[in-house]
Amino acid sequence: MSIADALLLFLIVATTLGCGLMGGLFFAFSNFVMKALERIPEQSAVTAMQSINQVVLNRVFFALFFGTALTSIALLIWAYQRFPLPGSVCMAIGSGLYLVGNILVTVVIHVPKNQGLARLDPASTEAVSAWHRYVPSWSRWNHVRTITALAAAVWLMLALGFIRL
């Protein structure tokens, strides 16, 4: 196996794992975290979500979230250069799904929503009404992140099956 082949294998495996981990994280929010927050008083839910949105901004999360984006970009470039070799389309689809469905959705949808929530006083009536608008939209777009991250992992696993190293 050449160094280039070993690097490609490493990139695909690392990106697949990153997509799977991010998909699992987003799945947890879609499956039970947001549902649990909806069961408690709005002021408490806003306070809890504000805390979650602060705590998530840490080195480990950033390394996983943006590291997977970097390896996805590298795989997109590699797929373009390899096209039409087997696996290149699967690499491109998987990488593109993560970049669009996770990075773009997070930056364009979730970050602004989270910043808006952060500015609210949880005890205010404004926070209560904002929470009722926040949850359905935030959750819907989080489902998109969950599905695209897991689909990306599947496409990248398929790429592994097609690539002849």
Protein backbone atom coordinates (compact mmCIF):
# COMPACT_ATOMS: atom_id res chain seq x y z
CA MET A 1 0.00 0.00 0.00
CA SER A 2 1.40 3.36 -0.99
CA ILE A 3 1.56 6.36 1.34
CA ALA A 4 -1.17 8.04 -0.71
CA ASP A 5 -3.40 4.98 -0.37
CA ALA A 6 -2.80 4.83 3.38
CA LEU A 7 -3.60 8.53 3.70
CA LEU A 8 -6.81 8.10 1.70
CA LEU A 9 -7.83 5.16 3.87
CA PHE A 10 -7.10 7.17 7.02
CA LEU A 11 -9.11 10.15 5.73
CA ILE A 12 -12.12 8.05 4.84
CA VAL A 13 -12.12 6.20 8.16
CA ALA A 14 -11.56 9.38 10.21
CA THR A 15 -14.30 11.24 8.32
CA THR A 16 -16.69 8.31 8.64
CA LEU A 17 -16.10 8.15 12.39
CA GLY A 18 -16.49 11.94 12.71
CA CYS A 19 -19.76 11.88 10.78
CA GLY A 20 -21.02 8.97 12.87
CA LEU A 21 -20.12 10.69 16.14
CA MET A 22 -21.73 13.96 15.07
CA GLY A 23 -24.80 12.07 13.88
CA GLY A 24 -25.02 10.36 17.27
CA LEU A 25 -24.70 13.66 19.09
CA PHE A 26 -27.41 15.27 17.00
CA PHE A 27 -29.56 12.14 17.31
CA ALA A 28 -29.41 12.43 21.11
CA PHE A 29 -30.76 15.97 20.88
CA SER A 30 -33.48 14.96 18.42
CA ASN A 31 -34.44 11.83 20.33
CA PHE A 32 -34.49 12.96 23.95
CA VAL A 33 -32.69 16.17 24.94
CA MET A 34 -35.10 18.60 23.30
CA LYS A 35 -38.09 16.46 24.32
CA ALA A 36 -36.89 16.56 27.94
CA LEU A 37 -36.44 20.33 27.78
CA GLU A 38 -40.01 20.67 26.48
CA ARG A 39 -41.31 18.87 29.58
CA ILE A 40 -39.94 21.40 32.05
CA PRO A 41 -41.02 25.01 32.64
CA GLU A 42 -39.97 27.32 29.81
CA GLN A 43 -37.74 29.49 32.00
CA SER A 44 -35.83 26.41 33.15
CA ALA A 45 -35.64 25.07 29.60
CA VAL A 46 -34.24 28.36 28.29
CA THR A 47 -31.68 28.42 31.11
CA ALA A 48 -30.69 24.80 30.41
CA MET A 49 -30.37 25.36 26.65
CA GLN A 50 -28.34 28.52 27.21
CA SER A 51 -25.99 26.48 29.39
CA ILE A 52 -25.79 23.64 26.85
CA ASN A 53 -24.97 26.13 24.10
CA GLN A 54 -22.11 27.53 26.18
CA VAL A 55 -20.71 24.20 27.35
CA VAL A 56 -20.69 22.68 23.84
CA LEU A 57 -18.20 25.32 22.71
CA ASN A 58 -15.14 23.38 23.79
CA ARG A 59 -11.97 22.00 22.21
CA VAL A 60 -13.21 18.45 21.85
CA PHE A 61 -16.45 19.47 20.12
CA PHE A 62 -14.66 21.95 17.85
CA ALA A 63 -11.99 19.37 16.96
CA LEU A 64 -14.64 16.80 16.04
CA PHE A 65 -17.06 19.17 14.29
CA PHE A 66 -14.55 21.20 12.30
CA GLY A 67 -11.97 18.41 12.00
CA THR A 68 -14.59 16.32 10.22
CA ALA A 69 -15.28 19.31 7.97
CA LEU A 70 -11.58 19.56 7.09
CA THR A 71 -11.30 15.86 6.31
CA SER A 72 -14.52 16.13 4.28
CA ILE A 73 -13.00 18.94 2.22
CA ALA A 74 -9.85 16.86 1.70
CA LEU A 75 -11.99 13.92 0.53
CA LEU A 76 -13.95 16.14 -1.84
CA ILE A 77 -10.70 17.27 -3.44
CA TRP A 78 -9.44 13.69 -3.56
CA ALA A 79 -12.72 12.48 -5.09
CA TYR A 80 -12.55 15.18 -7.76
CA GLN A 81 -8.97 14.20 -8.63
CA ARG A 82 -9.84 10.47 -8.69
CA PHE A 83 -13.03 10.82 -10.69
CA PRO A 84 -14.32 8.51 -12.22
CA LEU A 85 -12.45 5.86 -10.22
CA PRO A 86 -14.60 3.60 -8.03
CA GLY A 87 -15.56 5.16 -4.73
CA SER A 88 -14.98 8.74 -5.80
CA VAL A 89 -18.69 9.51 -6.16
CA CYS A 90 -19.44 7.96 -2.77
CA MET A 91 -16.66 10.02 -1.17
CA ALA A 92 -18.00 13.19 -2.76
CA ILE A 93 -21.61 12.52 -1.72
CA GLY A 94 -20.65 11.63 1.86
CA SER A 95 -18.37 14.63 2.25
CA GLY A 96 -20.88 16.97 0.65
CA LEU A 97 -23.67 15.75 2.90
CA TYR A 98 -21.64 16.51 6.01
CA LEU A 99 -20.51 19.93 4.80
CA VAL A 100 -23.97 21.06 3.70
CA GLY A 101 -26.16 19.24 6.22
CA ASN A 102 -23.98 19.85 9.27
CA ILE A 103 -21.59 22.75 8.81
CA LEU A 104 -23.83 24.95 6.66
CA VAL A 105 -27.02 24.20 8.63
CA THR A 106 -25.23 24.84 11.92
CA VAL A 107 -23.68 28.13 10.80
CA VAL A 108 -26.76 29.47 8.98
CA ILE A 109 -29.57 28.12 11.19
CA HIS A 110 -28.45 26.96 14.62
CA VAL A 111 -25.79 29.51 15.52
CA PRO A 112 -28.12 32.50 14.95
CA LYS A 113 -30.95 30.77 16.85
CA ASN A 114 -28.62 29.95 19.74
CA GLN A 115 -27.22 33.48 19.81
CA GLY A 116 -30.75 34.89 19.91
CA LEU A 117 -31.65 32.58 22.79
CA ALA A 118 -28.47 33.56 24.64
CA ARG A 119 -29.52 37.23 24.65
CA LEU A 120 -32.78 36.50 26.47
CA ASP A 121 -33.44 36.74 30.19
CA PRO A 122 -34.90 33.29 30.97
CA ALA A 123 -37.30 34.81 33.50
CA SER A 124 -38.86 37.17 30.96
CA THR A 125 -42.15 36.63 29.14
CA GLU A 126 -40.22 37.24 25.92
CA ALA A 127 -38.09 34.16 26.66
CA VAL A 128 -41.21 32.03 27.13
CA SER A 129 -42.69 33.00 23.77
CA ALA A 130 -39.28 32.79 22.07
CA TRP A 131 -38.81 29.26 23.44
CA HIS A 132 -42.05 28.12 21.79
CA ARG A 133 -40.76 29.39 18.43
CA TYR A 134 -37.20 28.15 19.02
CA VAL A 135 -37.87 24.49 19.79
CA PRO A 136 -39.83 23.37 16.68
CA SER A 137 -37.54 25.11 14.22
CA TRP A 138 -34.31 24.21 16.02
CA SER A 139 -35.44 20.59 16.33
CA ARG A 140 -36.53 20.31 12.70
CA TRP A 141 -33.15 21.53 11.47
CA ASN A 142 -31.40 19.30 14.00
CA HIS A 143 -33.16 16.32 12.40
CA VAL A 144 -31.58 17.44 9.12
CA ARG A 145 -28.15 17.45 10.78
CA THR A 146 -28.77 14.00 12.26
CA ILE A 147 -29.88 12.45 8.99
CA THR A 148 -27.17 14.04 6.85
CA ALA A 149 -24.37 13.14 9.27
CA LEU A 150 -25.47 9.51 9.41
CA ALA A 151 -26.10 9.36 5.66
CA ALA A 152 -22.63 10.82 5.11
CA ALA A 153 -21.15 8.04 7.24
CA VAL A 154 -23.00 5.44 5.16
CA TRP A 155 -21.80 6.92 1.85
CA LEU A 156 -18.22 6.99 3.14
CA MET A 157 -18.48 3.36 4.26
CA LEU A 158 -19.68 2.53 0.76
CA ALA A 159 -16.64 4.36 -0.62
CA LEU A 160 -14.41 2.04 1.42
CA GLY A 161 -16.05 -0.94 -0.26
CA PHE A 162 -15.39 0.41 -3.75
CA ILE A 163 -11.81 1.59 -3.32
CA ARG A 164 -9.11 -0.81 -4.36
CA LEU A 165 -5.97 0.09 -2.46
